[in-house]
Amino acid sequence: MTGQLKELMRNTLDNLTSTDFKRFKHYLRDEGHVRWMRLEKADTDEAVDLMVQVYSLDAGAVMVTILKKMYHNHLAADLERDLAKCMNSKVKDQLSRIRPELIRRTTGPLLKELLDELQALSPPVISSREAEEILQRYSVVRDQVTCLIDVVLKKGDRACGILLSLLKELDSYLYQDLGLDAATDMGKRDGPSKWNTFSGAGGGVNVTRDSGDSTRTMGNDLKGCIFNGPVTFGDGSHANWGQR
């Protein structure tokens, strides 16, 4: 994952002129986390290495933010798109990798919560008919979990990302113990929705659901995230197609 991220970032910086690259380094210095003495004479490869050392998987989102400050909006948009593709390509693999352990460790109550939340989405990840079939066809929890995972895997990366994000919200200890510490991208949701989703290149994934007069925020790591549509935060602030 880190290798792909670095390649995307290097390719982006290669599109800058030498003057713009110097400006980029000044903006990066102003972020306050990379020392100027290490950055001043760095070439593009070295600058990317420094960013990944400091920001880890959030480095891509930091680069997007700086490019927008420099008014390189096309480069920023291209990088955002490529980061999303990079994250999406990993989500299904992540779910497949943890499938045996997730089947073994998911409890009945957790399974019920996952099924309820997956149906509550607009549009739903699984239908009520699919949920009923999972519960009625099998009587053993492990078999029910197996069926749920297989159904979600067939629906693709976006569905897999939503399932993993719900797992993070509902059982963060299990999520972390399964080695799912990188953000998963859930993709853009078209049209009006009760759920607003956004992703971060390593900064965590949050879903905000409007329910009556209340707002429920799933997840809490917002720094450096890239929003795919309108979102509402717990403090009442809003964002749309931008950076937090």
Protein backbone atom coordinates (compact mmCIF):
# COMPACT_ATOMS: atom_id res chain seq x y z
CA MET A 1 0.00 0.00 0.00
CA THR A 2 2.78 2.45 0.93
CA GLY A 3 4.62 1.72 -2.31
CA GLN A 4 1.55 2.54 -4.40
CA LEU A 5 0.94 5.70 -2.41
CA LYS A 6 4.52 6.90 -2.94
CA GLU A 7 4.30 6.23 -6.67
CA LEU A 8 1.10 8.28 -6.96
CA MET A 9 2.63 11.14 -5.01
CA ARG A 10 5.89 11.11 -7.00
CA ASN A 11 4.00 11.13 -10.28
CA THR A 12 1.98 14.11 -9.07
CA LEU A 13 5.03 16.12 -8.03
CA ASP A 14 6.69 15.36 -11.37
CA ASN A 15 4.01 17.53 -12.96
CA LEU A 16 5.15 20.60 -11.04
CA THR A 17 7.71 23.04 -12.38
CA SER A 18 10.87 23.53 -10.32
CA THR A 19 9.45 26.85 -9.08
CA ASP A 20 6.16 25.27 -8.07
CA PHE A 21 7.97 22.39 -6.38
CA LYS A 22 9.86 24.91 -4.23
CA ARG A 23 6.54 26.54 -3.35
CA PHE A 24 5.13 23.12 -2.51
CA LYS A 25 7.98 22.50 -0.07
CA HIS A 26 7.32 25.84 1.62
CA TYR A 27 3.66 24.96 2.02
CA LEU A 28 4.66 21.58 3.41
CA ARG A 29 7.02 23.27 5.88
CA ASP A 30 4.15 25.52 6.97
CA GLU A 31 2.14 22.44 7.92
CA GLY A 32 4.54 22.28 10.84
CA HIS A 33 5.47 18.59 10.86
CA VAL A 34 8.42 18.28 8.47
CA ARG A 35 11.68 20.01 9.43
CA TRP A 36 12.93 22.54 6.89
CA MET A 37 16.52 21.42 7.30
CA ARG A 38 15.50 18.02 5.88
CA LEU A 39 13.11 19.45 3.31
CA GLU A 40 14.99 22.40 1.83
CA LYS A 41 17.29 20.44 -0.50
CA ALA A 42 15.03 17.42 -0.95
CA ASP A 43 14.15 16.29 -4.47
CA THR A 44 10.70 14.88 -5.31
CA ASP A 45 11.55 11.33 -4.21
CA GLU A 46 13.00 12.53 -0.92
CA ALA A 47 10.06 14.88 -0.29
CA VAL A 48 7.60 12.00 -0.78
CA ASP A 49 9.63 9.77 1.55
CA LEU A 50 9.60 12.49 4.22
CA MET A 51 5.85 12.99 3.90
CA VAL A 52 5.12 9.28 4.24
CA GLN A 53 7.47 9.01 7.22
CA VAL A 54 5.63 11.83 8.98
CA TYR A 55 2.03 11.38 7.82
CA SER A 56 1.96 7.67 6.96
CA LEU A 57 -1.12 6.90 4.83
CA ASP A 58 -2.42 10.44 5.37
CA ALA A 59 0.41 11.79 3.21
CA GLY A 60 -1.68 11.69 0.05
CA ALA A 61 -4.45 13.74 1.62
CA VAL A 62 -1.89 16.29 2.86
CA MET A 63 -0.53 16.61 -0.67
CA VAL A 64 -4.05 17.17 -2.02
CA THR A 65 -4.59 19.95 0.52
CA ILE A 66 -1.35 21.71 -0.44
CA LEU A 67 -2.04 21.42 -4.17
CA LYS A 68 -5.41 23.07 -3.65
CA LYS A 69 -3.77 25.90 -1.72
CA MET A 70 -1.47 26.36 -4.72
CA TYR A 71 -4.50 26.39 -7.05
CA HIS A 72 -3.36 23.24 -8.83
CA ASN A 73 -6.93 21.98 -8.72
CA HIS A 74 -6.61 19.59 -11.65
CA LEU A 75 -3.61 17.87 -10.11
CA ALA A 76 -5.41 17.72 -6.77
CA ALA A 77 -8.52 16.20 -8.36
CA ASP A 78 -6.46 13.63 -10.26
CA LEU A 79 -4.62 12.64 -7.09
CA GLU A 80 -7.88 12.38 -5.13
CA ARG A 81 -9.30 10.10 -7.80
CA ASP A 82 -6.19 7.92 -7.89
CA LEU A 83 -6.04 7.69 -4.09
CA ALA A 84 -9.67 6.54 -4.02
CA LYS A 85 -8.96 3.88 -6.66
CA CYS A 86 -5.92 2.75 -4.73
CA MET A 87 -7.91 2.39 -1.52
CA ASN A 88 -10.83 0.68 -3.26
CA SER A 89 -8.56 -1.92 -4.82
CA LYS A 90 -7.54 -3.03 -1.33
CA VAL A 91 -10.91 -3.22 0.42
CA LYS A 92 -12.15 -6.46 -1.07
CA ASP A 93 -8.75 -8.04 -0.48
CA GLN A 94 -8.88 -6.93 3.16
CA LEU A 95 -12.28 -8.53 3.74
CA SER A 96 -11.18 -11.73 2.02
CA ARG A 97 -8.04 -11.85 4.14
CA ILE A 98 -9.84 -11.53 7.47
CA ARG A 99 -12.82 -13.69 6.43
CA PRO A 100 -11.90 -16.85 8.42
CA GLU A 101 -11.12 -14.95 11.62
CA LEU A 102 -14.15 -12.67 11.27
CA ILE A 103 -16.38 -15.72 10.86
CA ARG A 104 -14.91 -17.28 13.99
CA ARG A 105 -15.11 -14.18 16.20
CA THR A 106 -18.37 -12.48 15.22
CA THR A 107 -21.03 -12.93 17.89
CA GLY A 108 -24.78 -13.20 17.40
CA PRO A 109 -25.49 -9.67 18.70
CA LEU A 110 -22.75 -8.15 16.50
CA LEU A 111 -24.13 -9.98 13.47
CA LYS A 112 -27.62 -8.61 14.15
CA GLU A 113 -26.28 -5.07 14.42
CA LEU A 114 -24.37 -5.43 11.16
CA LEU A 115 -27.45 -6.73 9.37
CA ASP A 116 -29.62 -3.93 10.75
CA GLU A 117 -27.15 -1.21 9.74
CA LEU A 118 -26.51 -2.63 6.29
CA GLN A 119 -30.27 -2.60 5.63
CA ALA A 120 -30.68 0.93 7.03
CA LEU A 121 -28.41 2.50 4.43
CA SER A 122 -29.92 4.35 1.51
CA PRO A 123 -29.52 2.56 -0.80
CA PRO A 124 -29.18 -0.54 1.39
CA VAL A 125 -26.14 -2.76 1.04
CA ILE A 126 -28.33 -5.79 1.63
CA SER A 127 -32.08 -6.03 1.25
CA SER A 128 -34.47 -7.17 3.96
CA ARG A 129 -35.07 -10.30 1.90
CA GLU A 130 -31.35 -11.09 1.86
CA ALA A 131 -31.08 -10.50 5.62
CA GLU A 132 -34.06 -12.79 6.31
CA GLU A 133 -32.58 -15.49 4.08
CA ILE A 134 -29.26 -15.32 5.94
CA LEU A 135 -30.96 -15.74 9.32
CA GLN A 136 -33.56 -18.32 8.29
CA ARG A 137 -31.41 -20.49 6.07
CA TYR A 138 -28.78 -21.04 8.72
CA SER A 139 -29.18 -21.60 12.46
CA VAL A 140 -25.51 -21.42 13.47
CA VAL A 141 -24.00 -17.94 13.84
CA ARG A 142 -20.79 -18.86 12.05
CA ASP A 143 -22.75 -20.05 9.02
CA GLN A 144 -24.82 -16.87 9.06
CA VAL A 145 -21.68 -14.71 9.18
CA THR A 146 -20.14 -16.75 6.36
CA CYS A 147 -23.19 -16.14 4.21
CA LEU A 148 -23.23 -12.40 4.98
CA ILE A 149 -19.56 -11.97 4.07
CA ASP A 150 -19.99 -13.92 0.84
CA VAL A 151 -23.01 -11.82 -0.14
CA VAL A 152 -21.11 -8.59 0.51
CA LEU A 153 -18.01 -9.78 -1.35
CA LYS A 154 -20.13 -10.40 -4.44
CA LYS A 155 -21.37 -6.78 -4.29
CA GLY A 156 -17.88 -5.36 -4.75
CA ASP A 157 -15.41 -2.97 -3.12
CA ARG A 158 -17.90 -0.32 -2.07
CA ALA A 159 -20.09 -2.79 -0.17
CA CYS A 160 -17.00 -4.39 1.40
CA GLY A 161 -15.78 -0.96 2.56
CA ILE A 162 -19.10 -0.16 4.19
CA LEU A 163 -19.15 -3.49 6.03
CA LEU A 164 -15.63 -2.93 7.38
CA SER A 165 -16.49 0.62 8.43
CA LEU A 166 -19.55 -0.62 10.31
CA LEU A 167 -17.39 -3.24 11.99
CA LYS A 168 -15.02 -0.46 13.11
CA GLU A 169 -17.94 1.46 14.60
CA LEU A 170 -19.65 -1.47 16.27
CA ASP A 171 -16.58 -3.33 17.59
CA SER A 172 -13.44 -1.22 17.31
CA TYR A 173 -11.38 -3.67 19.39
CA LEU A 174 -12.14 -6.57 17.05
CA TYR A 175 -11.52 -4.30 14.06
CA GLN A 176 -8.06 -3.34 15.31
CA ASP A 177 -7.20 -6.89 16.38
CA LEU A 178 -7.94 -8.09 12.86
CA GLY A 179 -5.27 -5.70 11.60
CA LEU A 180 -7.69 -3.29 9.93
CA ASP A 181 -5.92 -0.09 10.91
CA ALA A 182 -5.96 1.53 7.45
CA ALA A 183 -8.94 3.46 6.20
CA THR A 184 -11.33 1.87 3.75
CA ASP A 185 -12.98 3.85 1.05
CA MET A 186 -16.69 3.45 0.61
CA GLY A 187 -17.06 5.40 -2.59
CA LYS A 188 -19.37 8.14 -3.67
CA ARG A 189 -23.07 7.68 -3.04
CA ASP A 190 -25.23 9.06 -5.84
CA GLY A 191 -28.38 11.05 -5.23
CA PRO A 192 -30.00 12.03 -1.93
CA SER A 193 -29.23 9.76 0.97
CA LYS A 194 -29.86 9.49 4.66
CA TRP A 195 -26.21 8.50 4.94
CA ASN A 196 -23.32 10.72 3.89
CA THR A 197 -20.02 8.93 3.36
CA PHE A 198 -16.46 10.05 2.99
CA SER A 199 -13.06 8.48 3.07
CA GLY A 200 -9.54 9.29 4.10
CA ALA A 201 -6.29 8.03 2.83
CA GLY A 202 -5.38 6.49 6.14
CA GLY A 203 -7.18 9.02 8.30
CA GLY A 204 -10.16 6.86 9.16
CA VAL A 205 -13.60 6.48 7.67
CA ASN A 206 -16.71 8.17 8.98
CA VAL A 207 -20.37 7.90 8.12
CA THR A 208 -22.89 10.47 9.26
CA ARG A 209 -26.50 9.38 9.38
CA ASP A 210 -29.38 11.82 9.80
CA SER A 211 -32.16 10.34 11.86
CA GLY A 212 -34.94 12.74 12.73
CA ASP A 213 -33.46 15.65 14.63
CA SER A 214 -30.29 13.81 15.58
CA THR A 215 -27.04 13.12 13.79
CA ARG A 216 -25.08 9.95 14.38
CA THR A 217 -21.41 10.01 13.50
CA MET A 218 -19.67 6.66 13.02
CA GLY A 219 -15.93 6.93 13.58
CA ASN A 220 -14.10 9.99 14.79
CA ASP A 221 -10.83 10.48 12.94
CA LEU A 222 -11.58 13.36 10.56
CA LYS A 223 -8.19 14.92 9.98
CA GLY A 224 -7.03 14.87 6.40
CA CYS A 225 -10.12 13.13 5.07
CA ILE A 226 -11.47 13.55 1.56
CA PHE A 227 -15.23 13.97 1.43
CA ASN A 228 -17.30 12.37 -1.32
CA GLY A 229 -20.41 14.51 -0.93
CA PRO A 230 -22.07 16.60 1.76
CA VAL A 231 -21.24 15.61 5.33
CA THR A 232 -22.42 16.77 8.74
CA PHE A 233 -20.05 16.63 11.72
CA GLY A 234 -20.83 16.09 15.36
CA ASP A 235 -20.12 19.73 16.12
CA GLY A 236 -22.77 20.82 13.63
CA SER A 237 -20.35 22.03 10.97
CA HIS A 238 -20.66 20.94 7.35
CA ALA A 239 -18.37 20.19 4.44
CA ASN A 240 -18.76 19.29 0.80
CA TRP A 241 -16.14 18.09 -1.68
CA GLY A 242 -13.23 19.35 0.35
CA GLN A 243 -10.80 18.73 3.13
CA ARG A 244 -11.37 18.58 6.87
